[in-house]
C-alpha atoms as a PDB file:
ATOM      1  CA  UNK A   1     -48.505 -29.462  34.290  1.00  0.00           C
ATOM      2  CA  UNK A   2     -49.548 -29.064  37.807  1.00  0.00           C
ATOM      3  CA  UNK A   3     -47.931 -25.813  39.508  1.00  0.00           C
ATOM      4  CA  UNK A   4     -46.164 -27.258  42.680  1.00  0.00           C
ATOM      5  CA  UNK A   5     -44.769 -30.355  40.616  1.00  0.00           C
ATOM      6  CA  UNK A   6     -40.918 -30.548  40.564  1.00  0.00           C
ATOM      7  CA  UNK A   7     -41.031 -30.169  36.831  1.00  0.00           C
ATOM      8  CA  UNK A   8     -42.752 -26.831  36.610  1.00  0.00           C
ATOM      9  CA  UNK A   9     -40.699 -25.543  39.465  1.00  0.00           C
ATOM     10  CA  UNK A  10     -37.099 -26.479  38.442  1.00  0.00           C
ATOM     11  CA  UNK A  11     -37.416 -26.886  34.996  1.00  0.00           C
ATOM     12  CA  UNK A  12     -40.022 -24.809  33.274  1.00  0.00           C
ATOM     13  CA  UNK A  13     -40.209 -22.161  36.007  1.00  0.00           C
ATOM     14  CA  UNK A  14     -36.711 -21.252  35.294  1.00  0.00           C
ATOM     15  CA  UNK A  15     -37.097 -21.279  31.559  1.00  0.00           C
ATOM     16  CA  UNK A  16     -39.727 -19.236  31.197  1.00  0.00           C
ATOM     17  CA  UNK A  17     -38.145 -16.549  33.577  1.00  0.00           C
ATOM     18  CA  UNK A  18     -34.730 -16.665  31.940  1.00  0.00           C
ATOM     19  CA  UNK A  19     -36.583 -15.885  28.788  1.00  0.00           C
ATOM     20  CA  UNK A  20     -38.662 -13.434  30.057  1.00  0.00           C
ATOM     21  CA  UNK A  21     -35.744 -11.516  31.210  1.00  0.00           C
ATOM     22  CA  UNK A  22     -33.782 -11.897  28.152  1.00  0.00           C
ATOM     23  CA  UNK A  23     -36.997 -10.728  26.240  1.00  0.00           C
ATOM     24  CA  UNK A  24     -36.860  -7.213  28.257  1.00  0.00           C
ATOM     25  CA  UNK A  25     -33.432  -6.774  27.042  1.00  0.00           C
ATOM     26  CA  UNK A  26     -33.808  -7.543  23.581  1.00  0.00           C
ATOM     27  CA  UNK A  27     -34.174  -4.709  20.756  1.00  0.00           C
ATOM     28  CA  UNK A  28     -37.079  -3.619  18.850  1.00  0.00           C
ATOM     29  CA  UNK A  29     -36.047  -6.085  15.818  1.00  0.00           C
ATOM     30  CA  UNK A  30     -35.756  -8.821  17.918  1.00  0.00           C
ATOM     31  CA  UNK A  31     -38.872  -8.228  19.486  1.00  0.00           C
ATOM     32  CA  UNK A  32     -40.240  -8.092  16.262  1.00  0.00           C
ATOM     33  CA  UNK A  33     -38.634 -11.232  15.152  1.00  0.00           C
ATOM     34  CA  UNK A  34     -39.776 -13.293  18.754  1.00  0.00           C
ATOM     35  CA  UNK A  35     -43.563 -11.888  17.725  1.00  0.00           C
ATOM     36  CA  UNK A  36     -43.318 -13.068  14.345  1.00  0.00           C
ATOM     37  CA  UNK A  37     -41.719 -16.438  14.562  1.00  0.00           C
ATOM     38  CA  UNK A  38     -44.340 -17.170  17.387  1.00  0.00           C
ATOM     39  CA  UNK A  39     -47.146 -16.059  15.349  1.00  0.00           C
ATOM     40  CA  UNK A  40     -46.451 -18.688  12.910  1.00  0.00           C
ATOM     41  CA  UNK A  41     -45.641 -21.370  15.149  1.00  0.00           C
ATOM     42  CA  UNK A  42     -49.011 -21.019  16.671  1.00  0.00           C
ATOM     43  CA  UNK A  43     -50.550 -20.599  13.207  1.00  0.00           C
ATOM     44  CA  UNK A  44     -49.012 -23.636  11.703  1.00  0.00           C
ATOM     45  CA  UNK A  45     -49.733 -25.823  14.742  1.00  0.00           C
ATOM     46  CA  UNK A  46     -53.394 -24.604  14.191  1.00  0.00           C
ATOM     47  CA  UNK A  47     -53.657 -25.043  10.524  1.00  0.00           C
ATOM     48  CA  UNK A  48     -51.943 -28.747  10.726  1.00  0.00           C
ATOM     49  CA  UNK A  49     -54.470 -30.328  13.261  1.00  0.00           C
ATOM     50  CA  UNK A  50     -57.301 -28.573  11.458  1.00  0.00           C
ATOM     51  CA  UNK A  51     -57.075 -29.116   7.987  1.00  0.00           C
ATOM     52  CA  UNK A  52     -54.562 -32.025   7.628  1.00  0.00           C
ATOM     53  CA  UNK A  53     -57.471 -34.745   7.753  1.00  0.00           C
ATOM     54  CA  UNK A  54     -59.711 -32.572   5.672  1.00  0.00           C
ATOM     55  CA  UNK A  55     -56.728 -31.958   2.981  1.00  0.00           C
ATOM     56  CA  UNK A  56     -56.072 -35.894   2.624  1.00  0.00           C
ATOM     57  CA  UNK A  57     -59.403 -37.418   2.357  1.00  0.00           C
ATOM     58  CA  UNK A  58     -60.295 -34.877  -0.355  1.00  0.00           C
ATOM     59  CA  UNK A  59     -57.058 -35.639  -2.378  1.00  0.00           C
ATOM     60  CA  UNK A  60     -57.936 -39.269  -1.476  1.00  0.00           C
ATOM     61  CA  UNK A  61     -61.588 -38.551  -2.981  1.00  0.00           C
ATOM     62  CA  UNK A  62     -60.309 -36.890  -5.702  1.00  0.00           C
ATOM     63  CA  UNK A  63     -57.776 -39.637  -6.671  1.00  0.00           C
ATOM     64  CA  UNK A  64     -60.502 -42.405  -6.222  1.00  0.00           C
ATOM     65  CA  UNK A  65     -62.884 -40.535  -8.783  1.00  0.00           C
ATOM     66  CA  UNK A  66     -59.832 -40.257 -11.114  1.00  0.00           C
ATOM     67  CA  UNK A  67     -59.652 -44.166 -11.111  1.00  0.00           C
ATOM     68  CA  UNK A  68     -55.951 -43.776  -9.081  1.00  0.00           C
ATOM     69  CA  UNK A  69     -54.967 -45.540  -5.654  1.00  0.00           C
ATOM     70  CA  UNK A  70     -55.585 -43.866  -2.353  1.00  0.00           C
ATOM     71  CA  UNK A  71     -53.017 -43.331   0.079  1.00  0.00           C
ATOM     72  CA  UNK A  72     -52.858 -42.592   3.870  1.00  0.00           C
ATOM     73  CA  UNK A  73     -50.040 -40.292   4.656  1.00  0.00           C
ATOM     74  CA  UNK A  74     -50.770 -39.881   8.385  1.00  0.00           C
ATOM     75  CA  UNK A  75     -53.883 -40.235  10.893  1.00  0.00           C
ATOM     76  CA  UNK A  76     -53.616 -37.098  12.732  1.00  0.00           C
ATOM     77  CA  UNK A  77     -55.494 -37.026  16.413  1.00  0.00           C
ATOM     78  CA  UNK A  78     -55.851 -34.138  18.264  1.00  0.00           C
ATOM     79  CA  UNK A  79     -53.739 -33.521  21.342  1.00  0.00           C
ATOM     80  CA  UNK A  80     -55.649 -33.883  24.060  1.00  0.00           C
ATOM     81  CA  UNK A  81     -54.859 -32.198  27.704  1.00  0.00           C
ATOM     82  CA  UNK A  82     -53.372 -34.933  30.304  1.00  0.00           C
ATOM     83  CA  UNK A  83     -56.475 -35.831  32.484  1.00  0.00           C
ATOM     84  CA  UNK A  84     -56.463 -35.270  36.107  1.00  0.00           C
ATOM     85  CA  UNK A  85     -57.033 -37.790  39.147  1.00  0.00           C
END
């Protein structure tokens, strides 16, 4: 995201500033909740993108060894950043 783009200036920046000032007024309990939610969501996304295909391959290998039909749940590609020209 380019900092001079209209999406950043008119959408993201005001949202981030409002969220920042709301977090300053938050109580200690709310800050802990925000921290836990943030950590869990980031760790969850990391685990999903890092280990999902690995787990699917191992489950399919186990099913093939047991003579069962393999299955494809989902092909997950790692998210790539936007390319700048």
